[in-house]
Amino acid sequence: MENQGLVSPGVLQVGRALNIPAIVLFALISLTALIGVPAFGYVYGYTWLDWTMCGVLYVVSGLGITVGYHRLIAHRSFQCPDWVKAALLIAGGWVLENSALKWAADHARHHARVDQEDDPYNATKGFWYSHCGWIFLQDPHYTEKYSPWLRKDRVVMWQHRWYVPIVLSGLALPFVVGFAYGGWLSGVGCFLLAGVARLFLVLNSTFCINSICHMWGRQPYSQSDTSRDSWWVSLITLGEGYHNYHHAFQRDYRNGPKWHNVDPSKWLIYGLSVVGLAGNLVRSNPR
């Protein structure tokens, strides 16, 4: 089955097959988050526990992506013990953005081929393509050649093998907590809000880096590609919005290099280093 994918507004690209499982899964998550979650809240309401779990899991799973998948695995911006790495990759797996192996390989290709045809989330093809449209198409390009070190990492490969159970555990956790608090109905409520809605929110906040931060914002460090800094995107992505700096200095453990930049991910990495759980933090010195 062939698909016509967006290249830019009003222009179509022919020849890429649809990724049916990704389309079905994303549609299921989106419909549940946008219709099921509000409907349940209207009929039954949500408890303080549901909201608390949603907030906590948003931060935990978001940091799993920003600190674990992105800065640790994809860019090797710091080092840490295997058990810390495993904890970060479990948290990142709760976001349903594929295993760290696949995610980091795609991301390495993005940096190597930014704004070109084989950039997996090429922003020159339009907002919706770079935001989420790219995941609905089969990718014909070989990715792992840009990150050959990944398969040598035993923790990355462990998470890759156990990825599906890790994803399911991230959805089961809020149900179990809610059930323990108030029974079946409470379990369903916590599952919907802290499981499905939280998943939808973290997915789309991450997608904003690929779309918004390649279209709108400032370019104080480099104009060699479409990457841009957006302080407000950093608020919802735990520090990832300083994207122009990140493209200019990819291995820096900080995305927001200045003291006043809101970058909770760099704060966590630095905090881990203070207590001896992270080391060899890569730090650039832009002029």
Protein backbone atom coordinates (compact mmCIF):
# COMPACT_ATOMS: atom_id res chain seq x y z
CA MET A 1 0.00 0.00 0.00
CA GLU A 2 1.48 3.33 -1.04
CA ASN A 3 1.06 6.71 0.56
CA GLN A 4 1.31 10.33 -0.49
CA GLY A 5 3.15 12.12 2.32
CA LEU A 6 3.39 15.85 2.88
CA VAL A 7 6.53 17.53 1.59
CA SER A 8 5.40 21.10 2.25
CA PRO A 9 1.99 22.71 2.52
CA GLY A 10 0.14 21.90 -0.68
CA VAL A 11 2.85 19.61 -2.11
CA LEU A 12 2.67 15.81 -2.09
CA GLN A 13 5.39 13.17 -2.13
CA VAL A 14 4.57 9.79 -3.68
CA GLY A 15 6.06 6.40 -2.95
CA ARG A 16 6.31 5.74 0.80
CA ALA A 17 4.26 2.97 2.37
CA LEU A 18 2.03 3.69 5.33
CA ASN A 19 3.06 2.44 8.76
CA ILE A 20 -0.33 0.98 9.67
CA PRO A 21 0.50 -0.15 13.26
CA ALA A 22 1.81 3.34 14.11
CA ILE A 23 -1.28 5.00 12.61
CA VAL A 24 -3.67 2.74 14.52
CA LEU A 25 -1.80 3.12 17.81
CA PHE A 26 -1.49 6.91 17.55
CA ALA A 27 -5.17 7.22 16.58
CA LEU A 28 -6.20 5.07 19.55
CA ILE A 29 -4.12 7.11 22.00
CA SER A 30 -5.30 10.44 20.54
CA LEU A 31 -9.00 9.53 20.49
CA THR A 32 -8.86 8.18 24.04
CA ALA A 33 -6.99 11.26 25.30
CA LEU A 34 -9.19 13.79 23.49
CA ILE A 35 -12.59 12.09 23.93
CA GLY A 36 -12.40 9.31 26.51
CA VAL A 37 -10.45 11.22 29.16
CA PRO A 38 -12.75 14.29 29.20
CA ALA A 39 -15.86 12.08 29.05
CA PHE A 40 -14.76 10.04 32.06
CA GLY A 41 -13.91 13.23 33.93
CA TYR A 42 -17.33 14.70 33.18
CA VAL A 43 -19.18 11.60 34.38
CA TYR A 44 -17.01 10.45 37.29
CA GLY A 45 -14.40 13.12 37.90
CA TYR A 46 -10.71 12.71 38.76
CA THR A 47 -9.15 12.55 42.21
CA TRP A 48 -6.15 14.40 43.60
CA LEU A 49 -4.21 11.15 43.20
CA ASP A 50 -5.00 11.01 39.47
CA TRP A 51 -3.72 14.55 38.91
CA THR A 52 -0.66 13.98 41.08
CA MET A 53 0.26 10.77 39.28
CA CYS A 54 -0.25 12.50 35.93
CA GLY A 55 2.14 15.31 36.89
CA VAL A 56 4.75 13.01 38.42
CA LEU A 57 4.74 10.57 35.50
CA TYR A 58 4.86 13.45 33.00
CA VAL A 59 8.11 14.67 34.57
CA VAL A 60 9.59 11.21 35.15
CA SER A 61 8.84 9.86 31.68
CA GLY A 62 9.78 13.17 30.06
CA LEU A 63 13.17 13.12 31.77
CA GLY A 64 13.56 9.53 30.63
CA ILE A 65 13.47 10.87 27.08
CA THR A 66 15.44 14.11 27.52
CA VAL A 67 18.13 12.85 29.88
CA GLY A 68 18.12 9.12 29.07
CA TYR A 69 17.31 8.67 25.40
CA HIS A 70 18.59 12.03 24.19
CA ARG A 71 21.54 13.37 26.15
CA LEU A 72 22.89 10.07 27.52
CA ILE A 73 22.32 7.55 24.72
CA ALA A 74 22.06 9.60 21.51
CA HIS A 75 24.76 12.17 22.33
CA ARG A 76 26.83 10.53 25.09
CA SER A 77 26.90 13.87 26.93
CA PHE A 78 27.71 12.18 30.25
CA GLN A 79 28.32 8.77 31.77
CA CYS A 80 26.57 7.01 34.63
CA PRO A 81 26.34 3.58 36.31
CA ASP A 82 24.36 0.93 34.45
CA TRP A 83 21.57 0.90 37.02
CA VAL A 84 21.02 4.66 36.61
CA LYS A 85 21.05 4.23 32.82
CA ALA A 86 18.52 1.38 33.08
CA ALA A 87 16.23 3.50 35.28
CA LEU A 88 16.35 6.36 32.76
CA LEU A 89 15.64 4.02 29.85
CA ILE A 90 12.70 2.43 31.67
CA ALA A 91 11.25 5.91 32.24
CA GLY A 92 11.88 6.81 28.59
CA GLY A 93 10.17 3.60 27.48
CA TRP A 94 7.00 4.77 29.23
CA VAL A 95 6.56 7.44 26.51
CA LEU A 96 6.02 4.97 23.62
CA GLU A 97 8.64 6.62 21.38
CA ASN A 98 10.29 3.31 20.47
CA SER A 99 13.27 1.70 22.17
CA ALA A 100 16.34 3.78 22.97
CA LEU A 101 18.20 1.87 20.24
CA LYS A 102 15.78 2.97 17.51
CA TRP A 103 15.16 6.44 18.95
CA ALA A 104 18.84 7.32 19.30
CA ALA A 105 19.67 5.92 15.85
CA ASP A 106 16.95 8.04 14.25
CA HIS A 107 18.15 11.07 16.20
CA ALA A 108 21.76 10.57 15.13
CA ARG A 109 20.56 10.48 11.52
CA HIS A 110 18.56 13.67 12.11
CA HIS A 111 21.72 15.51 13.17
CA ALA A 112 23.83 13.99 10.40
CA ARG A 113 21.30 14.74 7.64
CA VAL A 114 19.30 17.66 9.09
CA ASP A 115 16.86 19.29 6.62
CA GLN A 116 17.75 16.77 3.90
CA GLU A 117 15.64 14.01 2.38
CA ASP A 118 16.84 11.32 4.78
CA ASP A 119 16.33 13.47 7.88
CA PRO A 120 13.61 11.37 9.60
CA TYR A 121 11.64 14.43 10.75
CA ASN A 122 12.64 16.87 8.04
CA ALA A 123 11.09 20.25 8.92
CA THR A 124 11.31 21.47 5.33
CA LYS A 125 8.44 19.10 4.54
CA GLY A 126 6.02 21.10 6.67
CA PHE A 127 4.82 21.42 10.24
CA TRP A 128 2.60 18.35 10.43
CA TYR A 129 5.14 16.09 8.75
CA SER A 130 7.89 17.03 11.20
CA HIS A 131 5.52 17.04 14.17
CA CYS A 132 4.00 13.58 13.78
CA GLY A 133 3.39 12.75 10.11
CA TRP A 134 6.78 11.11 9.68
CA ILE A 135 5.87 8.30 12.09
CA PHE A 136 2.94 7.29 9.86
CA LEU A 137 5.26 6.38 6.96
CA GLN A 138 7.67 3.51 6.49
CA ASP A 139 11.25 4.77 6.57
CA PRO A 140 13.34 3.51 3.63
CA HIS A 141 16.65 4.80 5.01
CA TYR A 142 19.17 2.78 7.02
CA THR A 143 19.64 4.52 10.34
CA GLU A 144 22.11 2.67 12.55
CA LYS A 145 25.15 3.52 10.43
CA TYR A 146 25.10 6.95 12.10
CA SER A 147 25.34 5.45 15.60
CA PRO A 148 27.28 2.16 15.45
CA TRP A 149 28.11 2.28 19.16
CA LEU A 150 24.51 1.64 20.24
CA ARG A 151 24.48 -2.15 19.77
CA LYS A 152 27.64 -2.41 21.90
CA ASP A 153 25.78 -0.97 24.90
CA ARG A 154 24.36 -3.86 26.93
CA VAL A 155 21.82 -1.69 28.76
CA VAL A 156 20.51 -0.26 25.47
CA MET A 157 20.16 -3.76 24.08
CA TRP A 158 18.47 -5.00 27.27
CA GLN A 159 15.91 -2.21 27.03
CA HIS A 160 15.41 -2.93 23.33
CA ARG A 161 14.59 -6.60 24.06
CA TRP A 162 12.20 -5.75 26.88
CA TYR A 163 10.68 -2.65 25.31
CA VAL A 164 7.08 -3.89 25.06
CA PRO A 165 6.84 -5.02 28.72
CA ILE A 166 8.40 -1.69 29.76
CA VAL A 167 5.75 0.24 27.80
CA LEU A 168 2.97 -1.84 29.35
CA SER A 169 4.38 -1.34 32.84
CA GLY A 170 4.13 2.43 32.36
CA LEU A 171 0.41 2.06 31.64
CA ALA A 172 -0.19 -0.55 34.34
CA LEU A 173 1.48 1.50 37.09
CA PRO A 174 -1.19 4.26 37.32
CA PHE A 175 -3.99 1.68 37.18
CA VAL A 176 -2.44 -0.32 40.05
CA VAL A 177 -1.90 2.83 42.14
CA GLY A 178 -5.44 4.03 41.48
CA PHE A 179 -6.92 0.60 42.18
CA ALA A 180 -5.05 0.39 45.49
CA TYR A 181 -6.39 3.81 46.43
CA GLY A 182 -10.06 3.40 45.55
CA GLY A 183 -10.92 0.25 43.64
CA TRP A 184 -11.70 -0.42 40.00
CA LEU A 185 -13.22 2.94 39.10
CA SER A 186 -10.31 4.79 40.67
CA GLY A 187 -7.91 2.51 38.82
CA VAL A 188 -9.56 3.31 35.48
CA GLY A 189 -9.50 7.03 36.22
CA CYS A 190 -5.83 7.02 37.13
CA PHE A 191 -5.05 4.90 34.06
CA LEU A 192 -6.85 7.35 31.76
CA LEU A 193 -5.35 10.53 33.20
CA ALA A 194 -1.86 9.45 34.31
CA GLY A 195 -1.52 6.76 31.69
CA VAL A 196 -3.15 7.69 28.38
CA ALA A 197 -3.50 11.49 28.74
CA ARG A 198 0.01 11.82 30.15
CA LEU A 199 1.33 9.70 27.29
CA PHE A 200 -0.44 11.91 24.73
CA LEU A 201 0.94 15.08 26.32
CA VAL A 202 4.56 13.89 26.54
CA LEU A 203 4.47 12.58 22.97
CA ASN A 204 3.26 15.90 21.61
CA SER A 205 5.62 17.97 23.73
CA THR A 206 8.50 15.94 22.31
CA PHE A 207 7.12 16.36 18.79
CA CYS A 208 7.26 20.14 19.31
CA ILE A 209 11.06 19.94 19.21
CA ASN A 210 10.95 18.45 15.72
CA SER A 211 8.34 20.91 14.43
CA ILE A 212 8.14 24.21 16.34
CA CYS A 213 11.85 24.34 17.17
CA HIS A 214 12.73 23.99 13.49
CA MET A 215 10.28 26.67 12.33
CA TRP A 216 9.84 29.47 14.85
CA GLY A 217 12.30 31.03 17.26
CA ARG A 218 15.74 32.60 17.45
CA GLN A 219 19.02 31.41 15.90
CA PRO A 220 21.70 33.01 18.10
CA TYR A 221 24.33 30.28 17.69
CA SER A 222 24.07 28.98 14.12
CA GLN A 223 22.10 29.58 10.94
CA SER A 224 23.43 26.52 9.11
CA ASP A 225 20.12 24.65 9.51
CA THR A 226 16.51 25.28 10.55
CA SER A 227 17.01 24.68 14.31
CA ARG A 228 15.78 27.44 16.61
CA ASP A 229 15.69 28.32 20.29
CA SER A 230 12.26 28.56 21.93
CA TRP A 231 12.19 29.29 25.65
CA TRP A 232 8.52 28.45 26.04
CA VAL A 233 8.94 25.05 24.40
CA SER A 234 11.62 24.38 27.02
CA LEU A 235 8.96 24.82 29.70
CA ILE A 236 6.94 21.86 28.41
CA THR A 237 9.91 19.71 27.30
CA LEU A 238 12.04 19.95 30.45
CA GLY A 239 14.74 22.03 28.78
CA GLU A 240 14.83 20.78 25.20
CA GLY A 241 13.61 24.01 23.59
CA TYR A 242 17.05 25.61 23.26
CA HIS A 243 17.41 23.71 20.03
CA ASN A 244 19.62 26.05 18.06
CA TYR A 245 22.26 25.79 20.77
CA HIS A 246 21.85 22.03 20.79
CA HIS A 247 22.45 21.72 17.05
CA ALA A 248 25.50 23.96 17.29
CA PHE A 249 26.95 22.06 20.29
CA GLN A 250 25.39 18.62 20.09
CA ARG A 251 27.33 16.83 22.83
CA ASP A 252 26.90 19.50 25.52
CA TYR A 253 24.94 18.04 28.44
CA ARG A 254 23.13 21.38 28.61
CA ASN A 255 20.59 22.50 26.05
CA GLY A 256 20.18 25.80 27.84
CA PRO A 257 23.79 26.89 28.56
CA LYS A 258 23.05 30.07 30.52
CA TRP A 259 22.29 30.06 34.24
CA HIS A 260 18.81 31.50 33.69
CA ASN A 261 17.82 29.04 30.95
CA VAL A 262 15.02 26.74 32.14
CA ASP A 263 16.60 23.33 31.58
CA PRO A 264 15.52 20.79 34.23
CA SER A 265 17.33 18.05 32.30
CA LYS A 266 20.72 19.69 32.79
CA TRP A 267 19.85 20.27 36.46
CA LEU A 268 19.17 16.56 36.91
CA ILE A 269 22.41 15.58 35.14
CA TYR A 270 24.41 18.05 37.22
CA GLY A 271 22.66 16.87 40.38
CA LEU A 272 23.55 13.26 39.58
CA SER A 273 27.18 14.33 39.14
CA VAL A 274 27.20 16.05 42.53
CA VAL A 275 26.17 12.84 44.31
CA GLY A 276 28.57 10.70 42.27
CA LEU A 277 26.00 9.10 39.96
CA ALA A 278 27.18 10.82 36.76
CA GLY A 279 30.54 11.84 35.38
CA ASN A 280 32.44 13.08 32.34
CA LEU A 281 29.86 15.78 31.66
CA VAL A 282 30.55 17.29 28.23
CA ARG A 283 30.46 21.09 28.30
CA SER A 284 31.06 23.38 25.33
CA ASN A 285 32.32 26.93 25.53
CA PRO A 286 30.60 29.01 22.83
CA ARG A 287 32.13 32.41 22.23
